C-alpha atoms as a PDB file:
ATOM      1  CA  VAL A   1       0.000   0.000   0.000  1.00  0.00           C
ATOM      2  CA  ALA A   2       1.566   3.299  -0.992  1.00  0.00           C
ATOM      3  CA  ASN A   3       0.718   6.970  -0.830  1.00  0.00           C
ATOM      4  CA  ILE A   4      -2.502   6.762   1.132  1.00  0.00           C
ATOM      5  CA  LEU A   5      -2.675   9.414   3.838  1.00  0.00           C
ATOM      6  CA  VAL A   6      -1.903   8.105   7.303  1.00  0.00           C
ATOM      7  CA  GLY A   7      -5.276   9.367   8.556  1.00  0.00           C
ATOM      8  CA  GLN A   8      -6.961   6.854   6.261  1.00  0.00           C
ATOM      9  CA  LEU A   9      -4.496   4.054   6.991  1.00  0.00           C
ATOM     10  CA  VAL A  10      -5.181   4.158  10.755  1.00  0.00           C
ATOM     11  CA  ARG A  11      -8.964   4.057  10.417  1.00  0.00           C
ATOM     12  CA  PRO A  12     -10.236   0.806  11.937  1.00  0.00           C
ATOM     13  CA  SER A  13     -12.149  -0.014   8.740  1.00  0.00           C
ATOM     14  CA  MET A  14      -8.976   0.345   6.638  1.00  0.00           C
ATOM     15  CA  VAL A  15      -6.883  -1.662   9.106  1.00  0.00           C
ATOM     16  CA  GLY A  16      -9.482  -4.422   9.105  1.00  0.00           C
ATOM     17  CA  SER A  17      -9.848  -4.420   5.321  1.00  0.00           C
ATOM     18  CA  LEU A  18      -6.134  -4.681   4.682  1.00  0.00           C
ATOM     19  CA  CYS A  19      -5.383  -7.217   7.391  1.00  0.00           C
ATOM     20  CA  THR A  20      -8.316  -9.580   6.892  1.00  0.00           C
ATOM     21  CA  ASN A  21      -7.303  -9.890   3.247  1.00  0.00           C
ATOM     22  CA  LEU A  22      -3.802 -11.034   4.168  1.00  0.00           C
ATOM     23  CA  VAL A  23      -3.211 -14.727   4.612  1.00  0.00           C
ATOM     24  CA  PRO A  24      -1.782 -15.632   8.029  1.00  0.00           C
ATOM     25  CA  GLY A  25       1.951 -15.079   7.733  1.00  0.00           C
ATOM     26  CA  GLY A  26       1.490 -12.816   4.672  1.00  0.00           C
ATOM     27  CA  LEU A  27       3.377  -9.556   4.345  1.00  0.00           C
ATOM     28  CA  LEU A  28       1.958  -6.039   4.518  1.00  0.00           C
ATOM     29  CA  CYS A  29       4.132  -3.244   3.124  1.00  0.00           C
ATOM     30  CA  LEU A  30       3.236   0.370   3.844  1.00  0.00           C
ATOM     31  CA  SER A  31       5.411   2.801   1.913  1.00  0.00           C
ATOM     32  CA  GLY A  32       5.476   6.508   1.286  1.00  0.00           C
ATOM     33  CA  ILE A  33       5.061   7.071   5.015  1.00  0.00           C
ATOM     34  CA  ARG A  34       6.663  10.011   6.766  1.00  0.00           C
ATOM     35  CA  PRO A  35       9.014   8.802   9.516  1.00  0.00           C
ATOM     36  CA  ASP A  36       7.122  10.761  12.172  1.00  0.00           C
ATOM     37  CA  GLU A  37       3.938   8.790  11.307  1.00  0.00           C
ATOM     38  CA  VAL A  38       5.487   5.346  11.766  1.00  0.00           C
ATOM     39  CA  GLU A  39       4.615   4.874  15.441  1.00  0.00           C
ATOM     40  CA  SER A  40       0.919   5.651  14.907  1.00  0.00           C
ATOM     41  CA  LEU A  41       0.782   3.038  12.136  1.00  0.00           C
ATOM     42  CA  LYS A  42       2.561   0.461  14.269  1.00  0.00           C
ATOM     43  CA  ALA A  43       0.025   1.057  17.027  1.00  0.00           C
ATOM     44  CA  ALA A  44      -2.989   0.856  14.689  1.00  0.00           C
ATOM     45  CA  TYR A  45      -1.880  -2.449  13.123  1.00  0.00           C
ATOM     46  CA  GLY A  46      -0.267  -3.888  16.261  1.00  0.00           C
ATOM     47  CA  GLU A  47      -2.847  -6.582  17.006  1.00  0.00           C
ATOM     48  CA  TRP A  48      -2.730  -7.832  13.404  1.00  0.00           C
ATOM     49  CA  VAL A  49       0.910  -7.469  12.391  1.00  0.00           C
ATOM     50  CA  GLU A  50       4.354  -8.271  13.741  1.00  0.00           C
ATOM     51  CA  TRP A  51       6.699  -5.667  12.300  1.00  0.00           C
ATOM     52  CA  GLU A  52       9.794  -6.813  10.446  1.00  0.00           C
ATOM     53  CA  GLU A  53      12.180  -4.219  11.869  1.00  0.00           C
ATOM     54  CA  GLU A  54      15.058  -5.334   9.634  1.00  0.00           C
ATOM     55  CA  MET A  55      12.946  -4.389   6.598  1.00  0.00           C
ATOM     56  CA  TYR A  56      12.251  -0.844   7.812  1.00  0.00           C
ATOM     57  CA  ALA A  57      13.854   1.754   5.575  1.00  0.00           C
ATOM     58  CA  GLU A  58      13.954   5.505   5.115  1.00  0.00           C
ATOM     59  CA  ALA A  59      14.843   7.290   1.910  1.00  0.00           C
ATOM     60  CA  ASP A  60      15.552  10.771   0.678  1.00  0.00           C
ATOM     61  CA  PRO A  61      13.723  11.839  -2.489  1.00  0.00           C
ATOM     62  CA  GLY A  62      16.943  12.956  -4.152  1.00  0.00           C
ATOM     63  CA  ILE A  63      18.665  16.211  -4.914  1.00  0.00           C
ATOM     64  CA  GLY A  64      16.333  19.126  -4.313  1.00  0.00           C
ATOM     65  CA  GLY A  65      13.446  16.913  -3.275  1.00  0.00           C
ATOM     66  CA  GLN A  66      14.316  16.786   0.431  1.00  0.00           C
ATOM     67  CA  ASP A  67      13.292  20.410   0.939  1.00  0.00           C
ATOM     68  CA  TYR A  68      10.009  19.861  -0.877  1.00  0.00           C
ATOM     69  CA  TRP A  69       9.001  16.294   0.025  1.00  0.00           C
ATOM     70  CA  GLY A  70      11.054  15.418   3.104  1.00  0.00           C
ATOM     71  CA  ARG A  71      12.056  11.877   4.081  1.00  0.00           C
ATOM     72  CA  TRP A  72       9.917   8.804   3.413  1.00  0.00           C
ATOM     73  CA  SER A  73       9.833   5.412   5.039  1.00  0.00           C
ATOM     74  CA  ARG A  74       8.687   1.868   4.411  1.00  0.00           C
ATOM     75  CA  LEU A  75       7.181  -0.457   7.017  1.00  0.00           C
ATOM     76  CA  VAL A  76       6.878  -4.177   6.472  1.00  0.00           C
ATOM     77  CA  GLY A  77       4.927  -6.463   8.763  1.00  0.00           C
ATOM     78  CA  ARG A  78       3.868 -10.093   8.806  1.00  0.00           C
ATOM     79  CA  ARG A  79       0.234 -11.013   9.523  1.00  0.00           C
ATOM     80  CA  VAL A  80       0.035 -12.656  12.919  1.00  0.00           C
ATOM     81  CA  VAL A  81      -0.865 -16.343  12.929  1.00  0.00           C
ATOM     82  CA  THR A  82      -3.275 -17.131  15.758  1.00  0.00           C
ATOM     83  CA  ALA A  83      -3.721 -20.510  17.442  1.00  0.00           C
ATOM     84  CA  GLU A  84      -7.065 -20.957  15.646  1.00  0.00           C
ATOM     85  CA  GLN A  85      -5.313 -20.571  12.284  1.00  0.00           C
ATOM     86  CA  THR A  86      -2.651 -23.243  12.859  1.00  0.00           C
END
């Protein structure tokens, strides 16, 4: 999922829609996220997703873009497998 405003991504209906359509153990990638929005996304998806911290990344948009766009990040999480799903 890329370039959807964080306000929409943290809505319970959006969280539920994205996560219930992931197979247990499937990956969710949220990109185009501002680094200061990461913690709110982690909290919103926390009961559904275990975050793959080693896959977290931040990027600069390139020469001249930093002043206009700022930094961006990518979050990757794996859908939690519950006891009922095993």
